[in-house]
Amino acid sequence: MSSQSRPIELQVQLSADDYRRYFALVGKRQSNWIDLSIYAGAFFAAIPVALAARALAALETSSPIAIELAGRFSLFAFFAGLIILGLAFSIMRRRAIAATLSATPNAFDLKTVVLDENAVAITGKLSQARWSWPAISRVTAERGLVLLWIGSQSAVVIPDRAFASAEARNDAVAFARARIAQAQSAEASS
């Protein structure tokens, strides 16, 4: 690639589906071993709950069938509570995302994204943002989106439909990766 390439200019209009896919990818990036440990701990907490229910039932009755049923029903109730809690968190997350988008002025308006040798810039009707390449940590292309990650949880989102072709998208991704590598190399040598 030449030392001075032409800027890549794209017209981007994000849809609700684009935002849904983006937030799903951010959520996937946020998941970690701590979350998995919490889920596993909650899952295995069902065992002492069931044993406690059986012990309490044994204090009240001497029927082995009643004691076994108390243990099983407490286990089922615990798992049902975990499932309902998971659904509640999912609904609350969706509502928070919807509230964020509805409160963001012009979230669905047309914006111009420009990738040049020095930076990534977004210009909309109400705003302008510019990130130099050292601010971009990586670029990914997944779920129909090209994402220029700013840190670990935020990204410039470009849907595949903003590109004239798959080749144009691949060229833009290669361009961005080259700029990121160049910026990281310059940062490492300083």
Protein backbone atom coordinates (compact mmCIF):
# COMPACT_ATOMS: atom_id res chain seq x y z
CA MET A 1 0.00 0.00 0.00
CA SER A 2 1.29 3.46 -0.77
CA SER A 3 2.32 5.76 2.01
CA GLN A 4 -0.62 8.07 1.22
CA SER A 5 -3.80 6.18 0.29
CA ARG A 6 -7.14 7.71 -0.58
CA PRO A 7 -9.49 7.97 2.38
CA ILE A 8 -12.32 5.47 2.57
CA GLU A 9 -15.61 7.34 2.88
CA LEU A 10 -18.80 5.46 3.77
CA GLN A 11 -22.41 6.46 4.29
CA VAL A 12 -23.70 4.60 7.34
CA GLN A 13 -27.24 4.39 8.65
CA LEU A 14 -27.60 1.96 11.51
CA SER A 15 -30.83 0.02 11.99
CA ALA A 16 -32.31 -1.45 15.15
CA ASP A 17 -31.04 -4.86 14.00
CA ASP A 18 -27.50 -3.43 13.61
CA TYR A 19 -27.63 -2.14 17.17
CA ARG A 20 -29.01 -5.48 18.40
CA ARG A 21 -26.10 -7.35 16.81
CA TYR A 22 -23.58 -4.80 18.10
CA PHE A 23 -24.85 -5.01 21.69
CA ALA A 24 -24.82 -8.82 21.46
CA LEU A 25 -21.16 -8.69 20.43
CA VAL A 26 -20.33 -6.23 23.23
CA GLY A 27 -22.12 -8.52 25.69
CA LYS A 28 -20.07 -11.46 24.43
CA ARG A 29 -16.87 -9.45 24.91
CA GLN A 30 -17.95 -8.54 28.46
CA SER A 31 -18.52 -12.17 29.45
CA ASN A 32 -15.59 -13.64 31.32
CA TRP A 33 -14.58 -16.34 33.77
CA ILE A 34 -15.96 -14.40 36.72
CA ASP A 35 -19.44 -14.43 35.15
CA LEU A 36 -19.13 -18.14 34.43
CA SER A 37 -18.04 -18.76 38.02
CA ILE A 38 -21.06 -16.85 39.34
CA TYR A 39 -23.43 -18.85 37.13
CA ALA A 40 -21.78 -22.14 38.13
CA GLY A 41 -21.90 -21.16 41.80
CA ALA A 42 -25.61 -20.34 41.56
CA PHE A 43 -26.25 -23.61 39.74
CA PHE A 44 -24.42 -25.72 42.33
CA ALA A 45 -26.02 -23.80 45.21
CA ALA A 46 -29.11 -25.85 44.39
CA ILE A 47 -27.56 -28.89 46.09
CA PRO A 48 -27.39 -27.40 49.62
CA VAL A 49 -30.87 -25.90 49.11
CA ALA A 50 -32.28 -29.34 48.27
CA LEU A 51 -30.45 -30.94 51.20
CA ALA A 52 -31.74 -28.26 53.57
CA ALA A 53 -35.31 -28.81 52.34
CA ARG A 54 -34.93 -32.56 52.87
CA ALA A 55 -33.56 -31.99 56.37
CA LEU A 56 -36.48 -29.70 57.25
CA ALA A 57 -38.95 -32.23 55.82
CA ALA A 58 -37.32 -34.98 57.89
CA LEU A 59 -37.97 -32.92 61.01
CA GLU A 60 -41.67 -32.68 60.17
CA THR A 61 -42.39 -36.19 58.88
CA SER A 62 -40.93 -39.66 58.90
CA SER A 63 -42.29 -40.57 55.47
CA PRO A 64 -39.34 -41.19 53.09
CA ILE A 65 -41.54 -40.34 50.10
CA ALA A 66 -42.50 -36.94 51.56
CA ILE A 67 -38.86 -36.20 52.42
CA GLU A 68 -37.74 -37.11 48.88
CA LEU A 69 -40.52 -35.01 47.32
CA ALA A 70 -39.58 -32.01 49.47
CA GLY A 71 -35.97 -32.28 48.27
CA ARG A 72 -36.93 -32.66 44.62
CA PHE A 73 -39.52 -29.86 44.62
CA SER A 74 -37.10 -27.48 46.33
CA LEU A 75 -34.51 -28.34 43.66
CA PHE A 76 -37.02 -27.70 40.86
CA ALA A 77 -38.18 -24.47 42.51
CA PHE A 78 -34.57 -23.29 42.82
CA PHE A 79 -33.85 -23.98 39.12
CA ALA A 80 -37.11 -22.30 38.09
CA GLY A 81 -36.07 -19.25 40.14
CA LEU A 82 -32.68 -19.16 38.40
CA ILE A 83 -34.32 -19.34 34.98
CA ILE A 84 -36.78 -16.58 35.85
CA LEU A 85 -33.96 -14.44 37.24
CA GLY A 86 -31.98 -14.93 34.00
CA LEU A 87 -35.02 -13.95 31.94
CA ALA A 88 -35.59 -10.89 34.12
CA PHE A 89 -31.96 -9.77 33.64
CA SER A 90 -32.28 -10.30 29.88
CA ILE A 91 -35.47 -8.20 29.72
CA MET A 92 -33.91 -5.48 31.88
CA ARG A 93 -30.82 -5.39 29.61
CA ARG A 94 -32.99 -5.11 26.49
CA ARG A 95 -35.03 -2.30 28.05
CA ALA A 96 -31.85 -0.45 29.08
CA ILE A 97 -30.48 -0.72 25.53
CA ALA A 98 -33.79 0.49 24.07
CA ALA A 99 -33.87 3.40 26.52
CA THR A 100 -30.28 4.32 25.63
CA LEU A 101 -31.03 4.28 21.91
CA SER A 102 -34.26 6.23 22.26
CA ALA A 103 -32.45 8.86 24.35
CA THR A 104 -29.61 9.18 21.82
CA PRO A 105 -30.40 11.97 19.38
CA ASN A 106 -30.22 10.87 15.77
CA ALA A 107 -29.07 7.32 16.58
CA PHE A 108 -30.68 6.07 13.36
CA ASP A 109 -29.73 9.01 11.11
CA LEU A 110 -27.29 8.88 8.22
CA LYS A 111 -23.66 9.44 9.17
CA THR A 112 -20.45 9.69 7.16
CA VAL A 113 -17.54 7.53 8.31
CA VAL A 114 -14.10 8.37 6.92
CA LEU A 115 -11.06 6.16 7.38
CA ASP A 116 -7.84 7.91 6.38
CA GLU A 117 -4.14 7.58 7.13
CA ASN A 118 -4.44 9.44 10.44
CA ALA A 119 -7.83 8.69 11.95
CA VAL A 120 -11.39 7.39 11.86
CA ALA A 121 -13.98 10.18 11.77
CA ILE A 122 -17.76 10.06 12.05
CA THR A 123 -19.87 13.04 11.05
CA GLY A 124 -23.60 13.18 11.59
CA LYS A 125 -26.25 15.85 11.50
CA LEU A 126 -25.71 16.70 15.19
CA SER A 127 -22.23 15.45 16.00
CA GLN A 128 -18.67 14.79 14.96
CA ALA A 129 -16.22 12.33 16.46
CA ARG A 130 -12.65 11.53 15.51
CA TRP A 131 -10.29 8.84 16.81
CA SER A 132 -6.66 8.64 15.79
CA TRP A 133 -5.45 5.13 14.96
CA PRO A 134 -3.67 4.61 18.32
CA ALA A 135 -7.12 4.87 19.96
CA ILE A 136 -8.40 1.93 17.89
CA SER A 137 -7.37 -1.34 19.53
CA ARG A 138 -8.52 -3.74 16.80
CA VAL A 139 -10.93 -4.30 13.94
CA THR A 140 -13.31 -7.23 13.58
CA ALA A 141 -15.79 -8.22 10.91
CA GLU A 142 -18.57 -10.38 12.30
CA ARG A 143 -22.36 -10.77 12.18
CA GLY A 144 -22.61 -8.44 9.19
CA LEU A 145 -20.76 -5.61 10.94
CA VAL A 146 -17.29 -4.15 10.72
CA LEU A 147 -16.29 -2.97 14.19
CA LEU A 148 -13.40 -0.62 14.90
CA TRP A 149 -12.90 -1.20 18.63
CA ILE A 150 -12.10 1.79 20.81
CA GLY A 151 -10.93 0.12 23.97
CA SER A 152 -12.59 -3.15 24.86
CA GLN A 153 -16.26 -2.20 25.11
CA SER A 154 -17.00 0.46 22.49
CA ALA A 155 -16.69 0.44 18.72
CA VAL A 156 -17.34 2.38 15.55
CA VAL A 157 -20.02 0.27 13.87
CA ILE A 158 -20.19 -0.07 10.09
CA PRO A 159 -22.77 -2.48 8.63
CA ASP A 160 -21.66 -4.56 5.64
CA ARG A 161 -24.32 -2.90 3.46
CA ALA A 162 -22.36 0.41 3.68
CA PHE A 163 -19.70 -1.13 1.43
CA ALA A 164 -20.10 -1.38 -2.35
CA SER A 165 -19.02 -5.04 -2.29
CA ALA A 166 -17.48 -7.74 -0.12
CA GLU A 167 -14.13 -6.87 -1.70
CA ALA A 168 -14.54 -3.21 -0.68
CA ARG A 169 -15.32 -4.33 2.88
CA ASN A 170 -12.27 -6.59 2.95
CA ASP A 171 -10.10 -3.76 1.61
CA ALA A 172 -11.37 -1.42 4.35
CA VAL A 173 -10.71 -4.05 7.03
CA ALA A 174 -7.18 -4.61 5.66
CA PHE A 175 -6.61 -0.84 5.56
CA ALA A 176 -7.75 -0.47 9.18
CA ARG A 177 -5.63 -3.42 10.34
CA ALA A 178 -2.58 -1.94 8.64
CA ARG A 179 -3.16 1.46 10.31
CA ILE A 180 -3.68 -0.20 13.72
CA ALA A 181 -0.50 -2.27 13.32
CA GLN A 182 1.41 0.84 12.24
CA ALA A 183 0.11 2.78 15.26
CA GLN A 184 0.94 -0.05 17.67
CA SER A 185 4.41 -0.39 16.15
CA ALA A 186 5.03 3.35 16.52
CA GLU A 187 3.79 3.25 20.11
CA ALA A 188 5.99 0.25 20.96
CA SER A 189 9.11 1.90 19.52
CA SER A 190 8.60 5.14 21.45
